[in-house]
N, C-alpha and C. Protein backbone atom coordinates (compact mmCIF):
# COMPACT_ATOMS: atom_id res chain seq x y z
N UNK A 1 54.86 29.04 -59.62
CA UNK A 1 54.27 28.75 -58.38
C UNK A 1 53.00 29.58 -58.19
N UNK A 2 52.91 30.68 -58.67
CA UNK A 2 51.73 31.50 -58.53
C UNK A 2 50.58 30.92 -59.34
N UNK A 3 50.91 30.24 -60.44
CA UNK A 3 49.86 29.62 -61.23
C UNK A 3 49.20 28.49 -60.44
N UNK A 4 49.97 27.79 -59.66
CA UNK A 4 49.42 26.73 -58.83
C UNK A 4 48.46 27.30 -57.78
N UNK A 5 48.80 28.43 -57.24
CA UNK A 5 47.94 29.08 -56.25
C UNK A 5 46.63 29.51 -56.89
N UNK A 6 46.71 30.04 -58.04
CA UNK A 6 45.52 30.51 -58.75
C UNK A 6 44.62 29.31 -59.05
N UNK A 7 45.18 28.23 -59.51
CA UNK A 7 44.39 27.05 -59.81
C UNK A 7 43.72 26.49 -58.53
N UNK A 8 44.48 26.52 -57.48
CA UNK A 8 43.95 26.05 -56.19
C UNK A 8 42.76 26.90 -55.75
N UNK A 9 42.85 28.20 -55.89
CA UNK A 9 41.76 29.12 -55.50
C UNK A 9 40.53 28.89 -56.38
N UNK A 10 40.74 28.68 -57.67
CA UNK A 10 39.63 28.42 -58.56
C UNK A 10 38.91 27.12 -58.14
N UNK A 11 39.71 26.13 -57.79
CA UNK A 11 39.16 24.84 -57.37
C UNK A 11 38.32 25.00 -56.08
N UNK A 12 38.82 25.82 -55.17
CA UNK A 12 38.09 26.06 -53.92
C UNK A 12 36.76 26.78 -54.19
N UNK A 13 36.78 27.77 -55.09
CA UNK A 13 35.55 28.49 -55.41
C UNK A 13 34.53 27.57 -56.06
N UNK A 14 35.02 26.69 -56.88
CA UNK A 14 34.16 25.78 -57.59
C UNK A 14 33.50 24.78 -56.62
N UNK A 15 34.21 24.38 -55.59
CA UNK A 15 33.72 23.37 -54.65
C UNK A 15 33.23 23.96 -53.31
N UNK A 16 32.95 25.25 -53.28
CA UNK A 16 32.59 25.91 -52.02
C UNK A 16 31.28 25.37 -51.45
N UNK A 17 30.28 25.09 -52.27
CA UNK A 17 29.00 24.55 -51.79
C UNK A 17 29.21 23.16 -51.18
N UNK A 18 30.03 22.37 -51.82
CA UNK A 18 30.33 21.04 -51.34
C UNK A 18 31.06 21.09 -50.00
N UNK A 19 31.98 22.03 -49.87
CA UNK A 19 32.76 22.18 -48.65
C UNK A 19 31.87 22.64 -47.49
N UNK A 20 30.98 23.59 -47.77
CA UNK A 20 30.07 24.09 -46.73
C UNK A 20 29.15 22.96 -46.26
N UNK A 21 28.67 22.17 -47.20
CA UNK A 21 27.80 21.06 -46.87
C UNK A 21 28.53 20.05 -46.00
N UNK A 22 29.78 19.74 -46.30
CA UNK A 22 30.58 18.80 -45.51
C UNK A 22 30.81 19.33 -44.10
N UNK A 23 31.05 20.63 -43.98
CA UNK A 23 31.26 21.23 -42.66
C UNK A 23 29.98 21.16 -41.82
N UNK A 24 28.83 21.45 -42.44
CA UNK A 24 27.56 21.38 -41.72
C UNK A 24 27.29 19.95 -41.24
N UNK A 25 27.53 18.98 -42.11
CA UNK A 25 27.31 17.58 -41.74
C UNK A 25 28.24 17.18 -40.60
N UNK A 26 29.50 17.57 -40.68
CA UNK A 26 30.45 17.21 -39.61
C UNK A 26 30.07 17.90 -38.30
N UNK A 27 29.58 19.14 -38.36
CA UNK A 27 29.13 19.83 -37.14
C UNK A 27 27.92 19.11 -36.52
N UNK A 28 26.98 18.67 -37.35
CA UNK A 28 25.81 17.95 -36.85
C UNK A 28 26.22 16.63 -36.23
N UNK A 29 27.11 15.89 -36.87
CA UNK A 29 27.58 14.61 -36.35
C UNK A 29 28.29 14.81 -35.02
N UNK A 30 29.15 15.79 -34.93
CA UNK A 30 29.87 16.07 -33.68
C UNK A 30 28.89 16.44 -32.57
N UNK A 31 27.88 17.27 -32.89
CA UNK A 31 26.88 17.66 -31.89
C UNK A 31 26.09 16.44 -31.39
N UNK A 32 25.67 15.58 -32.31
CA UNK A 32 24.91 14.39 -31.93
C UNK A 32 25.77 13.48 -31.06
N UNK A 33 27.01 13.27 -31.42
CA UNK A 33 27.91 12.43 -30.62
C UNK A 33 28.12 13.01 -29.22
N UNK A 34 28.28 14.33 -29.12
CA UNK A 34 28.45 14.96 -27.81
C UNK A 34 27.19 14.80 -26.95
N UNK A 35 26.02 14.94 -27.57
CA UNK A 35 24.77 14.78 -26.82
C UNK A 35 24.63 13.34 -26.34
N UNK A 36 24.93 12.37 -27.20
CA UNK A 36 24.84 10.96 -26.81
C UNK A 36 25.81 10.68 -25.66
N UNK A 37 27.02 11.20 -25.76
CA UNK A 37 28.01 11.02 -24.70
C UNK A 37 27.54 11.65 -23.40
N UNK A 38 26.99 12.87 -23.47
CA UNK A 38 26.51 13.55 -22.26
C UNK A 38 25.36 12.78 -21.62
N UNK A 39 24.43 12.26 -22.44
CA UNK A 39 23.31 11.48 -21.92
C UNK A 39 23.83 10.21 -21.26
N UNK A 40 24.82 9.57 -21.87
CA UNK A 40 25.39 8.36 -21.30
C UNK A 40 26.06 8.64 -19.95
N UNK A 41 26.79 9.73 -19.86
CA UNK A 41 27.46 10.09 -18.60
C UNK A 41 26.43 10.40 -17.52
N UNK A 42 25.42 11.19 -17.86
CA UNK A 42 24.38 11.53 -16.88
C UNK A 42 23.62 10.28 -16.44
N UNK A 43 23.31 9.39 -17.36
CA UNK A 43 22.63 8.15 -17.02
C UNK A 43 23.47 7.27 -16.12
N UNK A 44 24.75 7.16 -16.41
CA UNK A 44 25.64 6.33 -15.59
C UNK A 44 25.76 6.90 -14.18
N UNK A 45 25.92 8.23 -14.07
CA UNK A 45 26.02 8.86 -12.75
C UNK A 45 24.72 8.68 -11.98
N UNK A 46 23.59 8.84 -12.66
CA UNK A 46 22.29 8.68 -11.99
C UNK A 46 22.10 7.24 -11.51
N UNK A 47 22.42 6.28 -12.34
CA UNK A 47 22.28 4.88 -11.97
C UNK A 47 23.19 4.53 -10.80
N UNK A 48 24.42 5.00 -10.84
CA UNK A 48 25.35 4.72 -9.74
C UNK A 48 24.87 5.35 -8.44
N UNK A 49 24.38 6.59 -8.52
CA UNK A 49 23.86 7.26 -7.33
C UNK A 49 22.65 6.54 -6.77
N UNK A 50 21.74 6.11 -7.63
CA UNK A 50 20.54 5.40 -7.18
C UNK A 50 20.92 4.07 -6.56
N UNK A 51 21.86 3.37 -7.17
CA UNK A 51 22.29 2.08 -6.65
C UNK A 51 22.94 2.25 -5.27
N UNK A 52 23.77 3.27 -5.10
CA UNK A 52 24.39 3.50 -3.79
C UNK A 52 23.34 3.93 -2.77
N UNK A 53 22.33 4.68 -3.19
CA UNK A 53 21.24 5.07 -2.30
C UNK A 53 20.50 3.84 -1.80
N UNK A 54 20.21 2.91 -2.71
CA UNK A 54 19.49 1.69 -2.30
C UNK A 54 20.32 0.85 -1.35
N UNK A 55 21.61 0.73 -1.59
CA UNK A 55 22.45 -0.06 -0.67
C UNK A 55 22.55 0.62 0.68
N UNK A 56 22.65 1.95 0.68
CA UNK A 56 22.70 2.67 1.96
C UNK A 56 21.38 2.52 2.71
N UNK A 57 20.27 2.56 1.97
CA UNK A 57 18.96 2.41 2.60
C UNK A 57 18.78 1.00 3.16
N UNK A 58 19.27 0.00 2.44
CA UNK A 58 19.15 -1.38 2.90
C UNK A 58 20.03 -1.63 4.12
N UNK A 59 21.17 -0.98 4.20
CA UNK A 59 22.09 -1.19 5.31
C UNK A 59 21.81 -0.29 6.51
N UNK A 60 20.91 0.67 6.34
CA UNK A 60 20.61 1.61 7.42
C UNK A 60 19.91 0.86 8.56
N UNK A 61 20.21 1.23 9.79
CA UNK A 61 19.53 0.57 10.91
C UNK A 61 18.06 0.96 10.92
N UNK A 62 17.21 -0.03 11.15
CA UNK A 62 15.78 0.22 11.19
C UNK A 62 15.34 0.35 12.63
N UNK A 63 14.47 1.28 12.86
CA UNK A 63 13.95 1.49 14.21
C UNK A 63 12.84 0.48 14.47
N UNK A 64 12.97 -0.26 15.53
CA UNK A 64 11.93 -1.21 15.88
C UNK A 64 11.53 -1.00 17.33
N UNK A 65 10.31 -1.32 17.58
CA UNK A 65 9.76 -1.14 18.92
C UNK A 65 9.39 -2.52 19.46
N UNK A 66 10.07 -2.97 20.50
CA UNK A 66 9.72 -4.29 21.05
C UNK A 66 8.41 -4.21 21.83
N UNK A 67 7.62 -5.24 21.69
CA UNK A 67 6.33 -5.29 22.38
C UNK A 67 6.30 -6.52 23.27
N UNK A 68 6.00 -6.29 24.53
CA UNK A 68 5.91 -7.38 25.49
C UNK A 68 4.43 -7.65 25.72
N UNK A 69 3.96 -8.81 25.28
CA UNK A 69 2.54 -9.14 25.39
C UNK A 69 2.24 -9.94 26.65
N UNK A 70 3.21 -10.11 27.51
CA UNK A 70 2.97 -10.90 28.72
C UNK A 70 1.96 -10.21 29.64
N UNK A 71 2.00 -8.89 29.71
CA UNK A 71 1.04 -8.18 30.55
C UNK A 71 -0.38 -8.35 30.02
N UNK A 72 -0.54 -8.35 28.69
CA UNK A 72 -1.86 -8.54 28.11
C UNK A 72 -2.34 -9.96 28.40
N UNK A 73 -1.44 -10.93 28.30
CA UNK A 73 -1.80 -12.31 28.61
C UNK A 73 -2.20 -12.46 30.07
N UNK A 74 -1.45 -11.83 30.96
CA UNK A 74 -1.79 -11.87 32.39
C UNK A 74 -3.16 -11.24 32.64
N UNK A 75 -3.43 -10.13 31.96
CA UNK A 75 -4.71 -9.47 32.12
C UNK A 75 -5.84 -10.37 31.62
N UNK A 76 -5.62 -11.02 30.46
CA UNK A 76 -6.65 -11.93 29.94
C UNK A 76 -6.88 -13.10 30.88
N UNK A 77 -5.81 -13.62 31.45
CA UNK A 77 -5.95 -14.72 32.41
C UNK A 77 -6.70 -14.25 33.65
N UNK A 78 -6.47 -13.02 34.08
CA UNK A 78 -7.20 -12.51 35.24
C UNK A 78 -8.68 -12.31 34.90
N UNK A 79 -8.98 -11.97 33.66
CA UNK A 79 -10.38 -11.87 33.25
C UNK A 79 -11.05 -13.22 33.30
N UNK A 80 -10.33 -14.25 32.89
CA UNK A 80 -10.88 -15.61 32.92
C UNK A 80 -11.18 -16.00 34.35
N UNK A 81 -10.25 -15.75 35.26
CA UNK A 81 -10.46 -16.16 36.64
C UNK A 81 -11.54 -15.32 37.33
N UNK A 82 -11.70 -14.06 36.96
CA UNK A 82 -12.71 -13.22 37.60
C UNK A 82 -14.10 -13.45 37.02
N UNK A 83 -14.20 -14.00 35.84
CA UNK A 83 -15.49 -14.22 35.20
C UNK A 83 -15.95 -15.67 35.32
N UNK A 84 -15.32 -16.47 36.20
CA UNK A 84 -15.62 -17.90 36.31
C UNK A 84 -17.08 -18.17 36.66
N UNK A 85 -17.69 -17.40 37.53
CA UNK A 85 -19.02 -17.70 37.98
C UNK A 85 -20.08 -17.42 36.91
N UNK A 86 -19.76 -16.65 35.86
CA UNK A 86 -20.73 -16.32 34.83
C UNK A 86 -20.74 -17.29 33.66
N UNK A 87 -19.88 -18.32 33.66
CA UNK A 87 -19.68 -19.14 32.47
C UNK A 87 -20.02 -20.59 32.77
N UNK A 88 -20.52 -21.32 31.76
CA UNK A 88 -20.78 -22.75 31.91
C UNK A 88 -19.47 -23.49 32.14
N UNK A 89 -19.51 -24.59 32.86
CA UNK A 89 -18.28 -25.29 33.23
C UNK A 89 -17.86 -26.34 32.23
N UNK A 90 -18.65 -26.65 31.20
CA UNK A 90 -18.30 -27.72 30.28
C UNK A 90 -17.78 -27.21 28.93
N UNK A 91 -17.34 -26.00 28.86
CA UNK A 91 -16.81 -25.45 27.61
C UNK A 91 -15.30 -25.59 27.55
N UNK A 92 -14.71 -25.39 26.39
CA UNK A 92 -13.28 -25.57 26.19
C UNK A 92 -12.61 -24.21 26.02
N UNK A 93 -11.47 -24.03 26.68
CA UNK A 93 -10.71 -22.79 26.56
C UNK A 93 -9.53 -23.05 25.64
N UNK A 94 -9.34 -22.20 24.67
CA UNK A 94 -8.20 -22.32 23.77
C UNK A 94 -7.21 -21.23 24.14
N UNK A 95 -5.98 -21.61 24.43
CA UNK A 95 -4.96 -20.63 24.80
C UNK A 95 -4.10 -20.33 23.59
N UNK A 96 -3.69 -19.06 23.46
CA UNK A 96 -2.90 -18.61 22.32
C UNK A 96 -1.59 -18.02 22.82
N UNK A 97 -0.54 -18.16 21.99
CA UNK A 97 0.74 -17.53 22.34
C UNK A 97 0.77 -16.14 21.73
N UNK A 98 1.92 -15.47 21.79
CA UNK A 98 2.04 -14.09 21.34
C UNK A 98 1.79 -13.95 19.84
N UNK A 99 2.03 -15.01 19.05
CA UNK A 99 1.83 -14.94 17.62
C UNK A 99 0.42 -15.32 17.20
N UNK A 100 -0.41 -15.70 18.15
CA UNK A 100 -1.77 -16.08 17.85
C UNK A 100 -1.92 -17.55 17.53
N UNK A 101 -0.89 -18.36 17.79
CA UNK A 101 -0.96 -19.79 17.56
C UNK A 101 -1.54 -20.48 18.79
N UNK A 102 -2.25 -21.60 18.56
CA UNK A 102 -2.88 -22.33 19.65
C UNK A 102 -1.80 -23.02 20.47
N UNK A 103 -1.83 -22.82 21.78
CA UNK A 103 -0.87 -23.48 22.68
C UNK A 103 -1.43 -24.83 23.09
N UNK A 104 -2.61 -24.85 23.66
CA UNK A 104 -3.22 -26.10 24.10
C UNK A 104 -4.71 -25.89 24.30
N UNK A 105 -5.46 -26.96 24.21
CA UNK A 105 -6.89 -26.92 24.50
C UNK A 105 -7.10 -27.68 25.80
N UNK A 106 -7.75 -27.04 26.75
CA UNK A 106 -8.02 -27.70 28.02
C UNK A 106 -9.49 -27.58 28.34
N UNK A 107 -10.00 -28.53 29.13
CA UNK A 107 -11.38 -28.43 29.58
C UNK A 107 -11.40 -27.47 30.76
N UNK A 108 -12.01 -26.35 30.55
CA UNK A 108 -12.12 -25.34 31.58
C UNK A 108 -13.27 -24.44 31.17
N UNK A 109 -13.31 -23.32 31.78
CA UNK A 109 -14.38 -22.39 31.47
C UNK A 109 -13.94 -21.46 30.36
N UNK A 110 -14.86 -21.09 29.49
CA UNK A 110 -14.54 -20.23 28.36
C UNK A 110 -14.23 -18.83 28.84
N UNK A 111 -13.34 -18.17 28.12
CA UNK A 111 -13.00 -16.79 28.47
C UNK A 111 -14.12 -15.90 27.98
N UNK A 112 -14.67 -15.10 28.88
CA UNK A 112 -15.71 -14.18 28.45
C UNK A 112 -15.40 -12.81 29.01
N UNK A 113 -15.81 -11.83 28.26
CA UNK A 113 -15.69 -10.45 28.71
C UNK A 113 -17.07 -9.84 28.52
N UNK A 114 -17.58 -9.23 29.54
CA UNK A 114 -18.91 -8.64 29.54
C UNK A 114 -19.98 -9.71 29.34
N UNK A 115 -19.66 -11.01 29.49
CA UNK A 115 -20.63 -12.08 29.41
C UNK A 115 -21.07 -12.43 28.00
N UNK A 116 -20.67 -11.66 26.96
CA UNK A 116 -21.16 -11.91 25.62
C UNK A 116 -20.09 -12.48 24.69
N UNK A 117 -18.95 -11.84 24.63
CA UNK A 117 -17.96 -12.16 23.60
C UNK A 117 -17.00 -13.23 24.07
N UNK A 118 -16.91 -14.33 23.35
CA UNK A 118 -15.90 -15.33 23.63
C UNK A 118 -14.59 -14.84 23.04
N UNK A 119 -13.55 -14.83 23.83
CA UNK A 119 -12.27 -14.34 23.37
C UNK A 119 -11.55 -15.49 22.71
N UNK A 120 -11.35 -15.41 21.39
CA UNK A 120 -10.77 -16.51 20.65
C UNK A 120 -9.34 -16.28 20.22
N UNK A 121 -8.89 -15.04 20.16
CA UNK A 121 -7.51 -14.77 19.75
C UNK A 121 -7.05 -13.49 20.43
N UNK A 122 -5.78 -13.24 20.33
CA UNK A 122 -5.24 -12.03 20.96
C UNK A 122 -5.80 -10.77 20.33
N UNK A 123 -6.04 -10.81 19.03
CA UNK A 123 -6.59 -9.62 18.36
C UNK A 123 -7.99 -9.31 18.88
N UNK A 124 -8.81 -10.38 19.02
CA UNK A 124 -10.15 -10.18 19.54
C UNK A 124 -10.10 -9.69 20.98
N UNK A 125 -9.18 -10.27 21.75
CA UNK A 125 -9.05 -9.87 23.15
C UNK A 125 -8.63 -8.41 23.25
N UNK A 126 -7.70 -8.01 22.39
CA UNK A 126 -7.25 -6.61 22.41
C UNK A 126 -8.38 -5.68 22.05
N UNK A 127 -9.19 -6.06 21.05
CA UNK A 127 -10.30 -5.18 20.67
C UNK A 127 -11.34 -5.11 21.79
N UNK A 128 -11.59 -6.24 22.47
CA UNK A 128 -12.55 -6.24 23.58
C UNK A 128 -12.02 -5.38 24.72
N UNK A 129 -10.71 -5.50 25.00
CA UNK A 129 -10.11 -4.70 26.07
C UNK A 129 -10.20 -3.22 25.74
N UNK A 130 -9.91 -2.87 24.48
CA UNK A 130 -9.99 -1.47 24.07
C UNK A 130 -11.42 -0.96 24.19
N UNK A 131 -12.40 -1.78 23.80
CA UNK A 131 -13.80 -1.36 23.90
C UNK A 131 -14.19 -1.17 25.36
N UNK A 132 -13.75 -2.09 26.23
CA UNK A 132 -14.04 -1.95 27.66
C UNK A 132 -13.42 -0.69 28.23
N UNK A 133 -12.19 -0.42 27.84
CA UNK A 133 -11.52 0.79 28.34
C UNK A 133 -12.26 2.04 27.88
N UNK A 134 -12.73 2.04 26.63
CA UNK A 134 -13.47 3.19 26.12
C UNK A 134 -14.79 3.35 26.87
N UNK A 135 -15.48 2.24 27.13
CA UNK A 135 -16.73 2.32 27.88
C UNK A 135 -16.48 2.83 29.29
N UNK A 136 -15.44 2.32 29.95
CA UNK A 136 -15.13 2.77 31.31
C UNK A 136 -14.79 4.25 31.34
N UNK A 137 -14.03 4.71 30.35
CA UNK A 137 -13.68 6.13 30.29
C UNK A 137 -14.92 6.98 30.08
N UNK A 138 -15.83 6.50 29.22
CA UNK A 138 -17.06 7.25 28.97
C UNK A 138 -17.93 7.31 30.23
N UNK A 139 -18.00 6.17 30.94
CA UNK A 139 -18.77 6.14 32.18
C UNK A 139 -18.18 7.08 33.23
N UNK A 140 -16.85 7.06 33.34
CA UNK A 140 -16.20 7.95 34.31
C UNK A 140 -16.42 9.41 33.95
N UNK A 141 -16.38 9.72 32.65
CA UNK A 141 -16.61 11.10 32.22
C UNK A 141 -18.04 11.52 32.53
N UNK A 142 -19.01 10.63 32.32
CA UNK A 142 -20.40 10.97 32.62
C UNK A 142 -20.61 11.12 34.11
N UNK A 143 -20.01 10.21 34.89
CA UNK A 143 -20.14 10.31 36.34
C UNK A 143 -19.49 11.60 36.85
N UNK A 144 -18.34 11.95 36.26
CA UNK A 144 -17.66 13.18 36.66
C UNK A 144 -18.50 14.40 36.33
N UNK A 145 -19.16 14.38 35.18
CA UNK A 145 -20.01 15.51 34.78
C UNK A 145 -21.23 15.59 35.69
N UNK A 146 -21.79 14.45 36.06
CA UNK A 146 -22.96 14.44 36.94
C UNK A 146 -22.60 14.98 38.31
N UNK A 147 -21.44 14.57 38.85
CA UNK A 147 -21.05 15.05 40.17
C UNK A 147 -20.74 16.55 40.14
N UNK A 148 -20.12 17.00 39.05
CA UNK A 148 -19.85 18.43 38.93
C UNK A 148 -21.15 19.22 38.84
N UNK A 149 -22.14 18.66 38.12
CA UNK A 149 -23.45 19.33 38.02
C UNK A 149 -24.13 19.39 39.36
N UNK A 150 -24.04 18.31 40.14
CA UNK A 150 -24.66 18.28 41.46
C UNK A 150 -23.97 19.26 42.39
N UNK A 151 -22.64 19.34 42.30
CA UNK A 151 -21.90 20.30 43.14
C UNK A 151 -22.26 21.71 42.78
N UNK A 152 -22.45 21.99 41.49
CA UNK A 152 -22.82 23.35 41.05
C UNK A 152 -24.21 23.71 41.57
N UNK A 153 -25.12 22.74 41.59
CA UNK A 153 -26.47 23.01 42.09
C UNK A 153 -26.45 23.29 43.59
N UNK A 154 -25.64 22.53 44.35
CA UNK A 154 -25.58 22.75 45.78
C UNK A 154 -24.93 24.10 46.09
N UNK A 155 -23.98 24.49 45.31
CA UNK A 155 -23.34 25.80 45.54
C UNK A 155 -24.29 26.92 45.17
N UNK A 156 -25.14 26.71 44.17
CA UNK A 156 -26.08 27.74 43.75
C UNK A 156 -27.14 27.95 44.83
N UNK A 157 -27.49 26.92 45.58
CA UNK A 157 -28.51 27.05 46.62
C UNK A 157 -27.92 27.76 47.77
């Protein structure tokens, strides 16, 4: 039995380079497989998390702000009625709804603001209204500054 052991040891010594090479190869293969598995797990977790994020984002309530344009329409209609004497009587007025679609065309006086701009859509009307408001604010600021200057002069005297 001892002779068998001796032969076995000789065989191991003879094949030691081959055995070391096999161990290195198996270690490299195991490492590569573990890395591939880890990348697959991380990718799957990331994809699942992103997918759940997108569904949560899609199902989340969205904040919306309702806008009532009836007051703007009333204001525009009041501009039409107040500017009647400045406009020719044979022009056509086009009325628009809240979405900017044409409601009806009637023979009436054209909508004008400041006598120059024909109001053709809600966007144009809003820009004209904003410009008028800015002009009025500027005029009020100048008038306020002039009155303050006059008051300062009278107090100085």
